[in-house]
Protein backbone atom coordinates (compact mmCIF):
# COMPACT_ATOMS: atom_id res chain seq x y z
CA MET A 1 155.88 -31.46 153.21
CA ARG A 2 158.20 -28.81 152.12
CA ARG A 3 161.12 -27.31 154.55
CA PRO A 4 161.22 -30.43 156.86
CA PHE A 5 163.62 -28.56 158.96
CA ALA A 6 160.38 -26.14 160.00
CA LEU A 7 159.14 -29.08 161.91
CA VAL A 8 162.33 -30.60 163.49
CA VAL A 9 162.36 -26.80 164.86
CA LEU A 10 159.01 -26.36 166.54
CA CYS A 11 159.50 -29.77 168.08
CA ALA A 12 162.95 -27.81 169.71
CA VAL A 13 161.51 -24.58 170.70
CA VAL A 14 157.40 -24.92 170.46
CA LEU A 15 156.21 -22.57 173.72
CA LEU A 16 152.70 -21.51 174.28
CA LEU A 17 150.80 -19.00 175.62
CA ALA A 18 148.36 -20.66 177.48
CA GLY A 19 151.01 -22.85 179.36
CA CYS A 20 154.87 -21.61 179.28
CA GLN A 21 157.52 -23.96 179.24
CA ALA A 22 161.41 -23.30 179.14
CA PRO A 23 162.91 -23.69 175.82
CA SER A 24 164.20 -27.58 175.48
CA ALA A 25 167.37 -27.84 177.43
CA SER A 26 170.17 -30.46 177.16
CA PRO A 27 169.35 -33.10 180.45
CA GLU A 28 170.70 -32.42 183.76
CA THR A 29 174.22 -30.78 183.95
CA GLU A 30 175.48 -27.27 185.05
CA THR A 31 178.29 -24.86 184.56
CA GLY A 32 178.75 -21.30 185.39
CA GLY A 33 179.85 -19.52 188.49
CA ASP A 34 178.44 -18.44 191.39
CA ASP A 35 179.63 -16.66 194.65
CA LEU A 36 179.61 -19.94 197.13
CA THR A 37 181.39 -19.14 200.11
CA PRO A 38 183.09 -21.65 202.50
CA SER A 39 179.97 -21.57 205.08
CA GLU A 40 178.00 -22.99 202.27
CA PRO A 41 180.02 -25.32 200.39
CA ALA A 42 178.18 -28.33 197.82
CA THR A 43 177.24 -31.65 200.50
CA ASP A 44 175.85 -34.59 199.56
CA TYR A 45 172.32 -34.67 200.38
CA ARG A 46 172.09 -36.61 203.83
CA SER A 47 174.95 -38.38 203.59
CA ASN A 48 177.56 -35.16 204.34
CA SER A 49 177.27 -33.28 207.80
CA SER A 50 179.57 -30.43 206.35
CA ALA A 51 175.74 -29.01 205.01
CA PRO A 52 175.38 -25.62 206.87
CA ALA A 53 172.78 -25.45 209.33
CA ALA A 54 169.46 -23.96 208.54
CA PRO A 55 169.58 -19.96 208.42
CA GLU A 56 167.58 -18.08 212.27
CA ALA A 57 165.81 -16.28 209.09
CA ASP A 58 164.99 -16.96 206.07
CA ARG A 59 167.48 -15.85 203.10
CA LEU A 60 167.91 -15.81 199.57
CA GLY A 61 169.55 -19.29 198.28
CA TYR A 62 167.75 -21.43 201.11
CA GLU A 63 164.20 -22.97 201.22
CA ASN A 64 162.69 -25.48 202.89
CA GLY A 65 165.01 -27.28 204.17
CA TYR A 66 167.67 -27.25 201.48
CA TRP A 67 170.54 -24.67 200.39
CA TYR A 68 170.95 -23.45 196.68
CA ASN A 69 174.46 -25.09 196.57
CA GLU A 70 173.56 -28.82 198.05
CA SER A 71 173.61 -32.17 196.43
CA LEU A 72 169.97 -33.99 196.26
CA SER A 73 170.13 -37.99 196.48
CA VAL A 74 167.35 -38.70 193.59
CA THR A 75 166.57 -41.21 191.60
CA THR A 76 165.21 -40.40 188.31
CA GLU A 77 165.09 -43.46 185.84
CA ASP A 78 161.34 -43.59 186.73
CA GLY A 79 160.72 -40.41 187.49
CA LEU A 80 160.58 -38.38 191.16
CA ASN A 81 158.26 -39.35 194.14
CA GLU A 82 156.42 -36.83 196.04
CA THR A 83 159.41 -36.69 198.50
CA GLU A 84 161.83 -36.70 196.42
CA ARG A 85 159.94 -34.05 194.27
CA GLU A 86 159.36 -31.87 197.35
CA ALA A 87 163.35 -32.01 197.21
CA VAL A 88 164.45 -30.73 193.87
CA ILE A 89 161.53 -28.13 194.00
CA ALA A 90 163.22 -26.72 197.32
CA ARG A 91 166.49 -26.78 196.26
CA THR A 92 165.36 -24.93 192.65
CA MET A 93 163.38 -22.50 194.22
CA ALA A 94 166.34 -21.68 196.40
CA ARG A 95 168.64 -21.61 193.44
CA VAL A 96 166.24 -19.39 191.16
CA GLU A 97 165.83 -16.39 194.45
CA ARG A 98 169.75 -17.13 194.51
CA ILE A 99 169.63 -15.77 190.75
CA ARG A 100 166.69 -13.50 191.11
CA GLY A 101 167.62 -11.51 193.91
CA LEU A 102 164.18 -12.02 195.33
CA GLU A 103 162.99 -14.19 197.99
CA PHE A 104 160.37 -16.53 198.03
CA GLU A 105 157.01 -15.20 200.31
CA GLU A 106 155.87 -19.03 200.71
CA THR A 107 156.21 -22.11 199.46
CA VAL A 108 155.00 -22.82 195.55
CA THR A 109 152.87 -25.68 195.30
CA VAL A 110 153.58 -28.40 192.54
CA SER A 111 150.92 -30.52 191.07
CA VAL A 112 150.49 -33.37 188.17
CA VAL A 113 147.60 -33.39 185.98
CA SER A 114 147.61 -36.24 182.88
CA ARG A 115 147.37 -34.61 179.24
CA ALA A 116 144.01 -35.74 178.89
CA GLU A 117 143.18 -33.92 182.04
CA TYR A 118 144.70 -30.51 180.79
CA ARG A 119 143.01 -30.68 177.53
CA ASN A 120 139.76 -30.88 179.19
CA SER A 121 140.71 -28.08 181.51
CA THR A 122 141.59 -25.93 178.33
CA GLY A 123 138.32 -26.66 176.19
CA GLY A 124 136.72 -24.06 177.60
CA GLU A 125 133.10 -22.77 175.66
CA THR A 126 133.86 -20.07 173.66
CA GLY A 127 130.60 -17.71 171.99
CA ASP A 128 129.88 -17.77 168.54
CA SER A 129 130.61 -13.74 168.34
CA LEU A 130 134.18 -14.67 169.61
CA ARG A 131 134.63 -17.76 167.77
CA ARG A 132 133.65 -16.34 164.30
CA PHE A 133 135.72 -12.74 165.15
CA ASP A 134 138.89 -14.81 165.69
CA ASN A 135 138.44 -16.94 163.10
CA VAL A 136 138.42 -13.84 160.74
CA LYS A 137 141.28 -12.35 162.07
CA PHE A 138 143.45 -15.56 162.47
CA GLU A 139 142.08 -16.16 158.37
CA ALA A 140 143.62 -12.30 157.94
CA LEU A 141 147.02 -13.63 159.19
CA PHE A 142 146.65 -16.59 156.76
CA PHE A 143 147.22 -18.87 159.52
CA VAL A 144 144.05 -20.51 159.50
CA GLY A 145 141.08 -20.50 156.79
CA GLU A 146 137.53 -20.59 156.59
CA ASP A 147 137.47 -24.36 156.67
CA ARG A 148 139.05 -24.63 160.13
CA ASP A 149 138.09 -23.34 163.66
CA SER A 150 141.05 -21.09 165.10
CA ILE A 151 140.08 -21.96 168.89
CA ALA A 152 140.31 -25.60 168.09
CA VAL A 153 143.73 -25.46 166.24
CA GLN A 154 144.85 -23.22 169.09
CA SER A 155 143.73 -25.66 171.61
CA SER A 156 145.12 -28.36 170.03
CA ASN A 157 148.56 -26.60 169.95
CA ARG A 158 148.31 -26.06 173.57
CA GLY A 159 147.13 -29.57 174.97
CA GLU A 160 150.25 -31.46 172.67
CA SER A 161 152.58 -29.26 173.05
CA VAL A 162 152.75 -27.68 177.09
CA LEU A 163 154.93 -29.26 179.68
CA GLY A 164 153.54 -27.38 182.60
CA TYR A 165 152.21 -23.85 183.28
CA TYR A 166 151.63 -22.00 186.69
CA SER A 167 148.52 -20.99 187.42
CA SER A 168 148.53 -16.99 189.49
CA GLN A 169 144.67 -17.98 189.97
CA ARG A 170 145.70 -21.22 192.08
CA GLY A 171 149.06 -19.98 193.14
CA GLU A 172 150.56 -23.50 191.82
CA ILE A 173 152.42 -25.04 188.87
CA VAL A 174 151.67 -27.19 187.17
CA ILE A 175 153.14 -30.49 185.73
CA VAL A 176 151.82 -32.05 182.17
CA SER A 177 152.72 -35.83 182.67
CA ASP A 178 151.01 -38.98 182.41
CA SER A 179 153.47 -40.07 184.91
CA GLU A 180 152.62 -40.58 188.79
CA THR A 181 156.09 -39.94 189.02
CA PRO A 182 156.83 -37.60 186.25
CA THR A 183 160.14 -36.37 185.46
CA ILE A 184 160.44 -32.74 185.52
CA SER A 185 162.99 -30.89 183.02
CA ARG A 186 165.00 -28.26 184.99
CA GLY A 187 164.01 -25.51 182.70
CA THR A 188 160.43 -26.02 183.30
CA LEU A 189 160.55 -26.47 187.08
CA ALA A 190 162.43 -22.97 187.00
CA HIS A 191 160.81 -21.32 184.67
CA GLU A 192 157.18 -21.72 186.54
CA LEU A 193 158.93 -21.11 189.38
CA VAL A 194 160.60 -17.31 188.54
CA HIS A 195 156.40 -16.69 186.93
CA ALA A 196 155.66 -17.39 191.08
CA LEU A 197 158.16 -15.02 191.92
CA GLN A 198 157.16 -12.74 189.81
CA ASP A 199 153.71 -13.35 190.97
CA GLN A 200 154.20 -12.97 194.23
CA HIS A 201 156.25 -9.64 194.10
CA PHE A 202 154.65 -7.65 191.44
CA GLY A 203 151.33 -9.55 190.72
CA LEU A 204 150.78 -10.95 187.25
CA GLU A 205 147.29 -9.33 186.85
CA SER A 206 147.41 -7.22 183.43
CA ASP A 207 144.81 -4.54 181.79
CA ALA A 208 146.61 -5.65 178.82
CA ARG A 209 143.80 -6.22 175.87
CA THR A 210 144.92 -6.42 172.44
CA ARG A 211 146.97 -9.35 171.15
CA ASP A 212 149.78 -6.92 170.67
CA GLN A 213 149.56 -5.40 174.18
CA VAL A 214 150.02 -8.72 175.13
CA GLN A 215 153.16 -9.38 173.39
CA GLY A 216 154.19 -6.49 175.17
CA ARG A 217 153.30 -7.38 178.77
CA ASN A 218 154.68 -11.38 177.82
CA GLY A 219 157.96 -9.72 176.71
CA LEU A 220 158.95 -8.91 179.85
CA VAL A 221 157.44 -11.37 182.15
CA GLU A 222 158.78 -14.62 179.77
CA GLY A 223 161.36 -12.69 179.03
CA ASP A 224 162.45 -12.06 183.08
CA ALA A 225 161.80 -15.99 183.40
CA VAL A 226 163.63 -17.27 180.17
CA ALA A 227 167.00 -15.15 181.23
CA VAL A 228 166.82 -16.77 184.94
CA THR A 229 166.37 -20.66 183.64
CA GLN A 230 169.35 -19.64 181.02
CA THR A 231 171.75 -18.21 183.93
CA TYR A 232 170.33 -21.47 186.24
CA THR A 233 171.39 -23.48 183.09
CA ASP A 234 174.76 -22.11 182.47
CA ARG A 235 175.73 -22.89 186.39
CA CYS A 236 175.58 -26.45 185.95
CA GLY A 237 178.15 -28.68 186.11
CA GLY A 238 180.59 -26.15 187.98
CA GLU A 239 179.94 -24.56 190.96
CA TRP A 240 176.47 -26.46 190.93
CA ARG A 241 175.49 -30.17 191.10
CA CYS A 242 173.03 -31.16 189.17
CA ILE A 243 170.97 -33.88 188.88
CA ASP A 244 172.04 -36.18 185.58
CA ARG A 245 168.82 -38.08 184.00
CA PRO A 246 167.43 -37.56 180.51
CA ALA A 247 165.29 -35.03 179.17
CA GLN A 248 161.60 -34.20 179.32
CA SER A 249 159.78 -34.76 176.36
CA SER A 250 158.89 -32.12 174.68
CA GLY A 251 155.05 -33.00 174.66
CA GLY A 252 152.29 -35.09 173.45
CA GLY A 253 153.09 -34.90 169.77
CA GLY A 254 150.00 -33.58 167.94
CA ASP A 255 149.70 -31.44 164.39
CA ARG A 256 151.51 -28.24 165.26
CA HIS A 257 150.72 -25.07 163.36
CA PHE A 258 154.27 -23.31 162.37
CA GLY A 259 152.83 -19.76 161.99
CA ILE A 260 150.85 -19.70 165.21
CA ASN A 261 153.64 -20.57 167.43
CA PHE A 262 156.08 -18.64 165.65
CA MET A 263 153.68 -15.52 166.69
CA GLN A 264 153.14 -16.95 170.40
CA TYR A 265 157.04 -17.57 170.57
CA PHE A 266 157.61 -14.38 170.50
CA PRO A 267 157.72 -13.20 174.20
CA TYR A 268 160.67 -16.06 174.81
CA SER A 269 162.76 -15.07 171.54
CA ASP A 270 162.56 -11.72 171.90
CA GLY A 271 161.59 -11.09 175.71
CA PRO A 272 165.44 -12.34 176.88
CA GLY A 273 167.23 -9.21 175.20
CA LEU A 274 164.61 -6.31 176.67
CA VAL A 275 165.42 -7.80 180.00
CA GLY A 276 169.14 -7.86 179.00
CA THR A 277 168.93 -4.45 178.07
CA LEU A 278 166.96 -3.53 181.02
CA ARG A 279 169.91 -5.15 183.54
CA GLU A 280 172.59 -2.88 181.42
CA ARG A 281 170.60 0.06 182.62
CA GLY A 282 170.19 -0.66 186.17
CA GLY A 283 170.48 -4.47 187.23
CA TRP A 284 167.62 -6.51 188.03
CA SER A 285 166.13 -3.53 190.45
CA ALA A 286 165.13 -1.76 186.49
CA VAL A 287 163.56 -5.12 185.74
CA ASN A 288 161.53 -5.12 188.82
CA ASP A 289 160.83 -1.42 187.87
CA ALA A 290 159.86 -2.36 184.10
CA TYR A 291 156.53 -4.17 185.72
CA ASP A 292 155.04 -1.30 187.22
CA ASP A 293 155.58 0.03 183.03
CA TYR A 294 154.89 -2.69 181.05
CA PRO A 295 156.27 -2.46 177.44
CA ASP A 296 153.23 -1.02 175.36
CA GLY A 297 153.72 -3.90 172.29
CA ALA A 298 156.18 -5.95 170.30
CA ALA A 299 158.10 -3.43 169.27
CA GLU A 300 159.55 -2.36 172.50
CA VAL A 301 160.52 -5.71 173.21
CA THR A 302 162.43 -6.52 169.56
CA TYR A 303 163.38 -2.63 169.70
CA PRO A 304 164.40 -1.89 173.53
CA GLU A 305 166.05 0.78 173.26
CA ARG A 306 162.69 2.42 171.83
CA TYR A 307 161.48 0.85 175.72
CA PRO A 308 159.93 2.81 177.29
CA GLU A 309 159.32 5.59 175.55
CA TRP A 310 157.64 4.16 172.53
CA GLU A 311 153.78 4.42 172.04
CA PRO A 312 151.54 2.82 169.82
CA GLU A 313 149.65 5.14 167.27
CA SER A 314 145.79 5.19 168.00
CA VAL A 315 144.09 4.12 164.45
CA SER A 316 140.49 5.78 163.74
CA LEU A 317 138.89 3.22 161.39
CA ALA A 318 135.30 4.36 160.62
CA ASP A 319 132.82 1.88 159.43
CA ARG A 320 131.48 2.31 155.84
CA SER A 321 129.57 -1.26 155.26
CA SER A 322 126.62 -1.33 153.52
CA ASP A 323 123.26 -2.46 155.64
CA ASP A 324 124.22 -5.80 154.31
CA TRP A 325 127.16 -5.87 156.22
CA GLU A 326 127.41 -6.34 159.96
CA ARG A 327 130.24 -5.74 162.70
CA VAL A 328 130.89 -9.14 164.50
CA ARG A 329 132.00 -8.18 167.84
CA PRO A 330 133.38 -10.57 170.12
CA SER A 331 131.67 -11.68 173.59
CA THR A 332 129.63 -8.36 175.58
CA ASP A 333 130.53 -10.56 178.67
CA ARG A 334 134.54 -10.86 178.12
CA ASP A 335 136.77 -7.87 178.71
CA ARG A 336 137.97 -7.27 175.67
CA PRO A 337 137.65 -4.33 173.03
CA ASP A 338 135.53 -4.73 170.01
CA TYR A 339 137.80 -4.96 167.23
CA ALA A 340 141.76 -6.72 166.64
CA VAL A 341 144.90 -4.71 166.80
CA VAL A 342 147.15 -7.12 164.66
CA GLY A 343 151.35 -6.04 165.27
CA PRO A 344 154.37 -6.61 164.31
CA SER A 345 155.11 -10.26 165.64
CA ALA A 346 151.95 -11.43 164.22
CA ILE A 347 152.75 -10.09 160.86
CA ALA A 348 156.04 -11.51 160.98
CA GLY A 349 154.17 -15.00 162.15
CA SER A 350 152.33 -14.52 158.96
CA MET A 351 155.68 -13.53 156.74
CA ALA A 352 157.64 -16.97 158.35
CA TYR A 353 154.52 -19.43 158.12
CA THR A 354 155.36 -19.30 154.33
CA ILE A 355 158.34 -20.91 154.74
CA ALA A 356 156.81 -23.78 156.66
CA ASP A 357 152.91 -24.39 155.12
CA ASP A 358 153.01 -26.71 152.25
CA TYR A 359 151.06 -24.48 149.96
CA ASN A 360 153.12 -23.91 146.93
CA GLU A 361 156.79 -22.75 147.00
CA SER A 362 156.80 -18.90 146.88
CA SER A 363 158.29 -18.34 150.36
CA VAL A 364 157.92 -14.31 150.88
CA VAL A 365 160.98 -14.35 153.00
CA GLN A 366 164.44 -17.02 153.32
CA THR A 367 165.18 -19.32 156.23
CA ARG A 368 167.71 -17.02 157.36
CA ASP A 369 165.06 -14.17 157.50
CA VAL A 370 163.53 -15.28 160.14
CA ILE A 371 165.40 -18.28 161.84
CA ASN A 372 168.90 -17.49 163.66
CA TYR A 373 171.47 -19.74 163.41
CA GLU A 374 174.79 -19.60 165.62
CA ASP A 375 177.75 -21.54 164.29
CA GLY A 376 175.58 -23.07 161.63
CA SER A 377 173.40 -24.18 164.77
CA LEU A 378 169.97 -23.55 165.57
CA ASP A 379 170.15 -20.41 168.54
CA SER A 380 168.17 -21.91 171.01
CA ASP A 381 168.41 -18.49 173.24
CA ASP A 382 166.76 -16.40 170.57
CA PRO A 383 165.70 -18.79 167.39
CA TYR A 384 163.34 -16.80 165.95
CA ASN A 385 164.15 -13.37 164.37
CA TYR A 386 160.92 -10.47 164.47
CA ASP A 387 163.20 -7.41 163.05
CA LEU A 388 161.78 -8.34 159.19
CA PRO A 389 162.16 -4.83 156.98
CA ALA A 390 158.55 -5.23 156.25
CA THR A 391 157.73 -5.08 160.43
CA ASP A 392 160.21 -2.60 161.96
CA GLY A 393 158.09 0.33 161.25
CA TRP A 394 154.54 -0.70 162.37
CA THR A 395 153.35 2.14 164.94
CA GLY A 396 149.80 0.92 165.14
CA GLY A 397 147.01 -0.95 163.91
CA ARG A 398 143.07 -2.00 163.95
CA MET A 399 141.03 -4.62 162.29
CA HIS A 400 137.31 -4.60 162.43
CA VAL A 401 135.39 -8.08 161.09
CA TYR A 402 132.13 -8.27 159.67
CA GLY A 403 129.41 -10.68 158.73
CA ASP A 404 126.65 -10.89 155.93
CA GLY A 405 124.86 -14.90 156.90
CA ASP A 406 127.42 -16.99 156.34
CA GLU A 407 129.78 -15.23 154.81
CA THR A 408 132.54 -12.54 156.69
CA ALA A 409 134.77 -10.01 155.73
CA TYR A 410 136.96 -7.31 157.68
CA VAL A 411 138.71 -4.54 157.26
CA TRP A 412 142.47 -4.02 158.60
CA ARG A 413 144.46 -0.51 158.83
CA THR A 414 147.79 0.10 159.55
CA THR A 415 150.17 2.88 160.30
CA TRP A 416 153.46 3.38 159.87
CA ALA A 417 156.42 5.16 160.15
CA SER A 418 156.74 7.01 157.05
CA GLU A 419 155.17 6.82 153.45
CA ALA A 420 158.17 4.32 152.49
CA VAL A 421 158.08 1.88 155.35
CA ALA A 422 154.49 1.67 154.45
CA ARG A 423 154.41 0.39 150.62
CA GLN A 424 157.34 -1.88 151.69
CA PHE A 425 154.76 -3.37 153.92
CA ALA A 426 152.20 -3.45 151.61
CA ASP A 427 154.45 -4.94 148.75
CA ALA A 428 155.47 -7.76 151.48
CA TRP A 429 151.58 -8.25 152.56
CA ALA A 430 150.75 -8.46 148.37
CA ALA A 431 153.35 -10.98 148.17
CA VAL A 432 151.74 -13.06 151.78
CA ILE A 433 148.66 -12.91 149.15
CA SER A 434 150.47 -14.17 145.91
CA HIS A 435 151.93 -16.90 147.33
CA TRP A 436 147.92 -18.50 149.28
CA GLY A 437 147.05 -17.95 145.44
CA GLY A 438 146.28 -14.24 144.73
CA THR A 439 145.83 -12.88 141.26
CA ARG A 440 146.17 -9.20 140.91
CA THR A 441 142.76 -7.70 138.03
CA THR A 442 143.04 -5.26 136.32
CA GLU A 443 141.31 -3.07 138.57
CA GLY A 444 144.35 -3.83 141.15
CA HIS A 445 143.08 -5.87 143.54
CA TRP A 446 143.50 -9.44 144.53
CA VAL A 447 141.43 -12.41 144.05
CA ILE A 448 142.50 -15.79 145.55
CA GLU A 449 141.71 -19.29 143.19
CA GLU A 450 139.70 -21.49 144.81
CA ASP A 451 141.83 -23.87 146.07
CA SER A 452 143.42 -22.04 148.28
CA PRO A 453 141.91 -22.21 151.90
CA TYR A 454 141.81 -18.67 151.71
CA THR A 455 139.49 -17.79 148.73
CA ASP A 456 138.17 -14.34 148.62
CA ALA A 457 138.74 -11.02 147.22
CA VAL A 458 141.42 -8.48 148.39
CA ALA A 459 142.24 -4.67 148.39
CA VAL A 460 145.63 -3.41 149.56
CA ARG A 461 145.45 -0.21 149.46
CA VAL A 462 148.27 2.67 150.38
CA ASP A 463 147.82 6.37 151.01
CA GLY A 464 150.41 8.56 152.48
CA ASP A 465 151.65 6.41 155.93
CA THR A 466 148.90 4.24 156.34
CA VAL A 467 147.65 0.09 154.77
CA THR A 468 144.02 -0.58 154.41
CA VAL A 469 143.45 -4.27 153.26
CA VAL A 470 139.98 -5.28 152.96
CA ASN A 471 138.86 -8.33 152.72
CA ALA A 472 135.50 -9.70 150.57
CA PRO A 473 133.73 -13.03 149.06
CA THR A 474 134.11 -11.51 145.83
CA VAL A 475 135.59 -8.30 144.27
CA ASP A 476 132.20 -6.66 143.95
CA GLU A 477 131.44 -6.96 147.28
CA LEU A 478 134.71 -5.00 148.39
CA ASP A 479 133.31 -1.63 148.29
CA GLU A 480 130.01 -2.99 150.15
CA VAL A 481 132.30 -3.93 152.76
CA TYR A 482 134.51 -0.35 153.33
CA ASP A 483 133.28 2.47 150.57
CA ALA A 484 136.45 4.23 150.59
């Protein structure tokens, strides 16, 4: 494999949408400040009578018999038994609400499932149309070739990497572990408790229906959780005592896909910046208000100064295919549009993937363009950069998928802030095509070599501030898919 550092970075920061975890953290020691009062001193759990009595009414910083600044007497070398787990959960809830300024409305339960059980529960059945649609979308991003199944690749990443997740349907946190006495990462538990707190106060339902809309919505949800978890971690070792134990393992190994993980990590990397900007404007109240007006896409997360005024353009794309090519539409039993919106975070993921794949050496970005370093080390608070010259001016997009027997094709249209920015993206995308074995023909089209996982013909057309990418099995079929 080329550039082995990418695998190390991936193991450190991979987070998946179907089950989130906080970025990898150091073992249980906390530093930072808090407004401790003499009436609420740090105490030794069940061995120090100076712990304050239970309040008459529930209050921030007290949950299920534990103050946020109490010490716990637990043994972690062999994991946490049920009693120890209850104590850790209660104190973590108290600390999360103390930081976030919101009271838990009910106790959050935590269950444990094995990794095998988790894989089985997330496999699910997918209709043929949806699977075909998703395969072509991920092929268009140069993530998954025609020889692989995109949903299977995503499921494999998810099943091997997730440490824990919050289920809004069940109102509980699920820890993925093969031990009956699991080791629960402070970061994982605190992060998922924030999601429970969000759900109790704001609800986590969403009308986001495209990938870019989901990236915007998750930028707020995950950015909020990451920001609280970072503050929690910063307070360990000082006023707060934290459990000193080995860090939780990063998952079950497996063949993780750097490009897909880069795209899916977006809310965790850029979301805290959005939340930080909102807090500068109006504290946690401004963050609370944003749950009534989610960001409309990834652009408002990467560039918080654009929130909440920015809105994506509605891009029109007429079907101009011959009778041989028929639109592929996702399963009708799902509430989703019959087109895809591939936004700037996905485009950035496609470009970043060229530094980590093993196809050839022609990466279209440099490592430091997409990986953030601080004093020579990975910036764990903001590991990835999605603000690229070729993605900055994205204003909207729409992709249609087509099928002709076993063959597939697509038309992908994006709009940009200006013609100059549109041409900048078109040039960058041409470099991505070239990276994967594309050669430009005398007519200006691209033909991708047979040894590539993306063997096809591609046309990239610029018309003012609009770029249209057409894909077909052969050059002769490009006009059959989209007769411009």
